[in-house]
N, C-alpha and C. Protein backbone atom coordinates (compact mmCIF):
# COMPACT_ATOMS: atom_id res chain seq x y z
N MET A 1 138.14 116.84 150.67
CA MET A 1 137.13 115.28 151.16
C MET A 1 136.06 114.39 151.63
N ILE A 2 135.72 114.76 151.55
CA ILE A 2 133.73 114.22 153.43
C ILE A 2 133.93 112.64 153.30
N PHE A 3 134.85 112.76 154.33
CA PHE A 3 134.11 111.40 154.59
C PHE A 3 132.83 110.08 155.13
N GLU A 4 131.89 109.27 154.93
CA GLU A 4 131.10 108.74 155.25
C GLU A 4 130.83 108.10 156.48
N ILE A 5 130.00 108.45 156.97
CA ILE A 5 130.19 106.98 158.81
C ILE A 5 129.23 106.52 158.57
N GLU A 6 130.21 105.66 158.43
CA GLU A 6 128.91 103.58 158.51
C GLU A 6 128.63 103.04 160.33
N LYS A 7 128.22 102.94 159.85
CA LYS A 7 127.36 102.03 160.80
C LYS A 7 127.57 100.16 161.47
N ASN A 8 128.42 99.21 161.95
CA ASN A 8 127.93 97.87 162.01
C ASN A 8 128.72 97.06 161.69
N ILE A 9 130.73 97.49 160.61
CA ILE A 9 130.86 96.97 159.44
C ILE A 9 131.59 96.44 160.10
N PRO A 10 132.06 95.13 159.97
CA PRO A 10 132.79 94.34 161.50
C PRO A 10 133.60 94.96 160.46
N ILE A 11 134.66 94.48 161.24
CA ILE A 11 136.87 94.82 161.02
C ILE A 11 137.24 93.92 160.93
N PRO A 12 138.17 93.73 159.95
CA PRO A 12 138.98 92.05 159.12
C PRO A 12 140.23 92.07 160.89
N ALA A 13 140.67 90.43 160.21
CA ALA A 13 142.25 90.15 161.30
C ALA A 13 142.63 91.73 160.38
N LYS A 14 144.09 92.33 161.45
CA LYS A 14 144.79 93.36 161.38
C LYS A 14 146.23 91.95 159.98
N VAL A 15 147.08 92.66 159.61
CA VAL A 15 147.36 93.09 158.53
C VAL A 15 148.29 93.64 158.42
N TYR A 16 149.93 93.13 158.59
CA TYR A 16 150.75 95.14 158.65
C TYR A 16 151.94 94.36 157.49
N ARG A 17 152.00 95.70 156.80
CA ARG A 17 152.16 95.89 155.94
C ARG A 17 153.13 97.26 155.38
N GLY A 18 154.25 97.76 154.71
CA GLY A 18 154.86 99.39 153.85
C GLY A 18 154.65 100.20 155.95
N ARG A 19 155.38 101.23 154.83
CA ARG A 19 156.00 102.36 155.33
C ARG A 19 154.63 103.76 155.87
N MET A 20 154.46 104.05 157.00
CA MET A 20 153.57 104.84 156.62
C MET A 20 153.99 106.25 156.73
N THR A 21 153.62 107.39 156.30
CA THR A 21 153.73 108.87 155.19
C THR A 21 152.56 109.89 156.12
N HIS A 22 152.95 111.37 156.24
CA HIS A 22 152.30 111.87 157.26
C HIS A 22 151.53 113.22 156.24
N GLY A 23 150.38 113.40 156.58
CA GLY A 23 149.22 114.04 156.03
C GLY A 23 148.71 115.59 156.67
N SER A 24 147.73 115.93 155.40
CA SER A 24 146.44 116.92 156.39
C SER A 24 145.48 116.58 155.76
N VAL A 25 144.07 115.70 156.58
CA VAL A 25 143.35 116.38 155.70
C VAL A 25 142.54 115.95 157.36
N ARG A 26 141.08 116.47 157.47
CA ARG A 26 140.32 116.42 158.06
C ARG A 26 139.67 115.64 158.26
N TYR A 27 139.30 114.63 159.55
CA TYR A 27 138.89 113.38 159.70
C TYR A 27 137.68 113.74 160.43
N PRO A 28 137.07 112.49 160.64
CA PRO A 28 136.00 112.64 161.33
C PRO A 28 135.55 112.13 162.56
N TRP A 29 136.50 112.09 163.68
CA TRP A 29 136.88 111.73 164.61
C TRP A 29 136.32 111.72 165.54
N ASP A 30 135.23 112.67 165.95
CA ASP A 30 134.42 113.40 167.04
C ASP A 30 132.88 113.21 166.55
N GLU A 31 133.26 112.41 165.05
CA GLU A 31 131.62 112.85 164.97
C GLU A 31 131.42 110.92 165.75
N MET A 32 132.46 109.75 165.46
CA MET A 32 132.22 109.28 165.05
C MET A 32 131.89 108.38 166.53
N GLU A 33 131.21 107.32 167.03
CA GLU A 33 130.81 106.70 168.29
C GLU A 33 131.75 104.79 167.88
N VAL A 34 131.53 104.07 169.02
CA VAL A 34 132.45 103.05 167.89
C VAL A 34 131.11 102.40 167.96
N HIS A 35 132.14 101.38 166.86
CA HIS A 35 132.20 100.99 165.84
C HIS A 35 131.36 101.40 164.65
N ASP A 36 132.10 102.82 164.52
CA ASP A 36 131.56 103.37 162.92
C ASP A 36 132.54 103.41 162.01
N SER A 37 132.39 103.57 161.09
CA SER A 37 133.43 103.82 160.03
C SER A 37 133.79 104.24 158.57
N PHE A 38 135.07 104.49 158.39
CA PHE A 38 134.77 105.02 157.04
C PHE A 38 135.60 104.76 155.57
N ALA A 39 135.02 104.19 154.43
CA ALA A 39 136.08 103.60 153.71
C ALA A 39 136.60 104.77 152.99
N LEU A 40 138.46 104.44 152.91
CA LEU A 40 139.26 105.27 152.07
C LEU A 40 139.80 105.19 150.78
N PRO A 41 140.24 106.08 150.49
CA PRO A 41 140.72 105.55 149.27
C PRO A 41 142.27 105.47 149.68
N ILE A 42 142.59 104.65 148.74
CA ILE A 42 143.77 104.69 148.81
C ILE A 42 145.02 105.26 148.40
N GLN A 43 145.10 106.27 148.29
CA GLN A 43 145.53 107.35 148.66
C GLN A 43 145.96 108.13 149.92
N TYR A 44 144.42 107.74 150.57
CA TYR A 44 144.69 107.68 151.63
C TYR A 44 144.94 106.99 153.26
N VAL A 45 145.48 105.90 152.96
CA VAL A 45 145.12 104.33 153.95
C VAL A 45 146.64 104.73 154.94
N ASN A 46 147.63 104.87 154.50
CA ASN A 46 149.16 105.23 155.21
C ASN A 46 148.60 106.43 156.13
N LYS A 47 148.11 107.43 155.67
CA LYS A 47 147.69 109.28 156.36
C LYS A 47 147.45 108.43 157.24
N VAL A 48 145.57 107.55 157.26
CA VAL A 48 145.05 108.05 158.10
C VAL A 48 144.77 107.24 159.49
N ARG A 49 146.89 106.51 158.75
CA ARG A 49 146.85 104.75 159.97
C ARG A 49 147.98 106.26 160.62
N VAL A 50 148.08 106.64 159.90
CA VAL A 50 149.56 107.59 160.92
C VAL A 50 148.43 108.71 161.77
N ALA A 51 147.82 109.14 161.28
CA ALA A 51 146.65 110.15 162.23
C ALA A 51 145.75 109.38 163.46
N ALA A 52 145.33 107.88 163.02
CA ALA A 52 144.63 107.54 164.03
C ALA A 52 145.45 106.57 164.36
N GLY A 53 146.98 106.66 164.80
CA GLY A 53 147.67 106.16 165.63
C GLY A 53 147.97 107.51 166.85
N ALA A 54 147.72 108.93 165.90
CA ALA A 54 148.09 109.55 167.27
C ALA A 54 146.85 110.06 168.17
N ARG A 55 146.09 109.63 167.11
CA ARG A 55 144.89 110.05 168.83
C ARG A 55 145.38 109.53 169.52
N ASN A 56 145.08 107.56 168.94
CA ASN A 56 145.26 107.06 169.35
C ASN A 56 146.43 106.64 171.37
N VAL A 57 147.73 106.97 170.48
CA VAL A 57 148.67 107.92 171.59
C VAL A 57 147.84 108.45 172.69
N GLN A 58 146.31 109.81 172.86
CA GLN A 58 146.61 110.76 173.20
C GLN A 58 145.43 110.06 174.31
N GLY A 59 144.35 108.11 174.74
CA GLY A 59 144.41 108.07 175.04
C GLY A 59 143.15 107.86 175.45
N GLU A 60 141.71 108.63 174.89
CA GLU A 60 139.96 108.33 174.98
C GLU A 60 139.12 108.32 173.63
N GLN A 61 139.85 107.86 172.40
CA GLN A 61 139.75 107.58 171.62
C GLN A 61 140.37 106.67 171.16
N TYR A 62 140.12 105.21 170.30
CA TYR A 62 140.80 103.87 170.11
C TYR A 62 140.34 103.96 168.46
N PHE A 63 141.29 103.69 166.75
CA PHE A 63 141.24 103.94 165.48
C PHE A 63 141.36 102.80 165.55
N THR A 64 141.35 101.85 164.09
CA THR A 64 142.02 101.08 163.41
C THR A 64 141.91 101.18 162.39
N VAL A 65 143.11 101.26 161.08
CA VAL A 65 142.71 101.34 159.32
C VAL A 65 142.49 98.96 159.41
N ARG A 66 142.32 98.86 158.07
CA ARG A 66 142.05 97.75 158.22
C ARG A 66 141.46 97.30 156.15
N GLU A 67 142.49 96.51 155.09
CA GLU A 67 141.86 96.29 154.93
C GLU A 67 140.34 94.88 154.11
N THR A 68 139.42 95.73 153.25
CA THR A 68 138.21 94.92 153.42
C THR A 68 139.08 94.50 151.57
N LEU A 69 137.51 93.38 151.58
CA LEU A 69 137.60 93.20 150.40
C LEU A 69 136.89 94.01 149.22
N GLU A 70 135.97 95.14 149.91
CA GLU A 70 136.07 96.29 149.39
C GLU A 70 136.92 97.39 149.01
N GLY A 71 137.82 97.58 149.50
CA GLY A 71 138.75 98.00 149.96
C GLY A 71 139.29 98.71 151.04
N HIS A 72 139.51 99.60 151.68
CA HIS A 72 140.28 100.44 152.84
C HIS A 72 139.10 100.44 154.05
N ARG A 73 139.18 100.78 155.25
CA ARG A 73 138.36 101.38 156.32
C ARG A 73 138.63 101.64 157.50
N CYS A 74 138.33 102.47 157.66
CA CYS A 74 138.86 103.07 159.30
C CYS A 74 137.58 102.44 160.49
N TRP A 75 137.72 102.32 161.61
CA TRP A 75 136.81 102.01 162.00
C TRP A 75 136.79 103.08 163.46
N ARG A 76 136.34 103.28 164.25
CA ARG A 76 136.38 103.54 166.04
C ARG A 76 136.15 102.23 166.60
N ILE A 77 137.22 101.77 166.95
CA ILE A 77 137.32 100.60 168.23
C ILE A 77 136.93 100.61 169.71
N ARG A 78 137.15 102.45 169.63
CA ARG A 78 136.90 102.62 171.82
C ARG A 78 136.92 104.11 171.59
């Protein structure tokens, strides 16, 4: 699956729910600039949350996954 990077999509308020699971898909972390985002199919949401959390621990780039009216998205926030 290829994810399309989009710019200037506002980040909604954080909502906490559910367990997180692991997965192995290539996400476009290194191609993203701050405030870029990509839409997620529902089956990838938990996997991207875990992968984004691992990137956040490394400390150079920070990402968040949020639910929007259209579905879920992952943003680079720093």
